[in-house]
C-alpha atoms as a PDB file:
ATOM      1  CA  UNK A   1       2.621 -82.669 -62.114  1.00  0.00           C
ATOM      2  CA  UNK A   2      -0.383 -84.877 -61.750  1.00  0.00           C
ATOM      3  CA  UNK A   3      -2.402 -85.381 -58.602  1.00  0.00           C
ATOM      4  CA  UNK A   4      -0.791 -88.747 -57.784  1.00  0.00           C
ATOM      5  CA  UNK A   5       2.702 -87.283 -57.536  1.00  0.00           C
ATOM      6  CA  UNK A   6       1.518 -84.475 -55.279  1.00  0.00           C
ATOM      7  CA  UNK A   7      -0.206 -86.958 -52.958  1.00  0.00           C
ATOM      8  CA  UNK A   8       2.880 -89.176 -52.838  1.00  0.00           C
ATOM      9  CA  UNK A   9       5.004 -86.113 -52.054  1.00  0.00           C
ATOM     10  CA  UNK A  10       2.745 -85.300 -49.117  1.00  0.00           C
ATOM     11  CA  UNK A  11       3.095 -88.869 -47.845  1.00  0.00           C
ATOM     12  CA  UNK A  12       6.890 -88.592 -48.165  1.00  0.00           C
ATOM     13  CA  UNK A  13       6.876 -85.367 -46.157  1.00  0.00           C
ATOM     14  CA  UNK A  14       4.683 -86.971 -43.488  1.00  0.00           C
ATOM     15  CA  UNK A  15       7.086 -89.926 -43.256  1.00  0.00           C
ATOM     16  CA  UNK A  16      10.075 -87.614 -42.821  1.00  0.00           C
ATOM     17  CA  UNK A  17       8.291 -85.660 -40.099  1.00  0.00           C
ATOM     18  CA  UNK A  18       7.330 -88.875 -38.294  1.00  0.00           C
ATOM     19  CA  UNK A  19      10.952 -90.043 -38.370  1.00  0.00           C
ATOM     20  CA  UNK A  20      12.106 -86.649 -37.086  1.00  0.00           C
ATOM     21  CA  UNK A  21       9.607 -87.003 -34.248  1.00  0.00           C
ATOM     22  CA  UNK A  22      11.357 -90.224 -33.222  1.00  0.00           C
ATOM     23  CA  UNK A  23      14.705 -88.442 -33.072  1.00  0.00           C
ATOM     24  CA  UNK A  24      13.247 -85.531 -31.151  1.00  0.00           C
ATOM     25  CA  UNK A  25      11.660 -87.910 -28.648  1.00  0.00           C
ATOM     26  CA  UNK A  26      14.966 -89.724 -28.182  1.00  0.00           C
ATOM     27  CA  UNK A  27      16.617 -86.376 -27.422  1.00  0.00           C
ATOM     28  CA  UNK A  28      13.923 -85.617 -24.848  1.00  0.00           C
ATOM     29  CA  UNK A  29      14.016 -89.120 -23.413  1.00  0.00           C
ATOM     30  CA  UNK A  30      10.289 -89.612 -23.865  1.00  0.00           C
ATOM     31  CA  UNK A  31       9.414 -93.291 -24.287  1.00  0.00           C
ATOM     32  CA  UNK A  32       5.822 -92.484 -25.152  1.00  0.00           C
ATOM     33  CA  UNK A  33       6.982 -90.108 -27.877  1.00  0.00           C
ATOM     34  CA  UNK A  34       9.354 -92.704 -29.295  1.00  0.00           C
ATOM     35  CA  UNK A  35       6.604 -95.315 -29.484  1.00  0.00           C
ATOM     36  CA  UNK A  36       4.142 -92.823 -30.952  1.00  0.00           C
ATOM     37  CA  UNK A  37       6.706 -91.810 -33.579  1.00  0.00           C
ATOM     38  CA  UNK A  38       7.370 -95.429 -34.527  1.00  0.00           C
ATOM     39  CA  UNK A  39       3.645 -96.124 -34.828  1.00  0.00           C
ATOM     40  CA  UNK A  40       3.117 -92.953 -36.864  1.00  0.00           C
ATOM     41  CA  UNK A  41       5.971 -93.883 -39.208  1.00  0.00           C
ATOM     42  CA  UNK A  42       4.546 -97.364 -39.761  1.00  0.00           C
ATOM     43  CA  UNK A  43       1.050 -96.017 -40.385  1.00  0.00           C
ATOM     44  CA  UNK A  44       2.281 -93.416 -42.873  1.00  0.00           C
ATOM     45  CA  UNK A  45       4.357 -95.966 -44.771  1.00  0.00           C
ATOM     46  CA  UNK A  46       1.529 -98.509 -44.894  1.00  0.00           C
ATOM     47  CA  UNK A  47      -1.020 -96.000 -46.164  1.00  0.00           C
ATOM     48  CA  UNK A  48       1.452 -94.595 -48.693  1.00  0.00           C
ATOM     49  CA  UNK A  49       2.181 -98.035 -50.135  1.00  0.00           C
ATOM     50  CA  UNK A  50      -1.538 -98.813 -50.344  1.00  0.00           C
ATOM     51  CA  UNK A  51      -2.147 -95.513 -52.107  1.00  0.00           C
ATOM     52  CA  UNK A  52       0.737 -96.144 -54.494  1.00  0.00           C
ATOM     53  CA  UNK A  53      -0.707 -99.547 -55.402  1.00  0.00           C
ATOM     54  CA  UNK A  54      -4.107 -97.908 -55.978  1.00  0.00           C
ATOM     55  CA  UNK A  55      -2.584 -95.238 -58.223  1.00  0.00           C
ATOM     56  CA  UNK A  56      -0.620 -97.865 -60.166  1.00  0.00           C
ATOM     57  CA  UNK A  57      -3.786 -99.917 -60.741  1.00  0.00           C
ATOM     58  CA  UNK A  58      -5.535 -96.806 -62.046  1.00  0.00           C
ATOM     59  CA  UNK A  59      -2.599 -96.044 -64.346  1.00  0.00           C
ATOM     60  CA  UNK A  60      -1.745 -92.720 -62.746  1.00  0.00           C
ATOM     61  CA  UNK A  61       1.881 -93.632 -61.990  1.00  0.00           C
END
């Protein structure tokens, strides 16, 4: 496996954990946690897509 696939796998794991944080916050009833989880999910997805575009431009994907 090349470095690009490992990095994208880490981003995928971070996205899953951020989405799980939303569910956990819903179970606790924490509005701050829900909002923080949504923001974290959006940030992880945005950075992952930017990184994927960068890797594609470099020919690593």
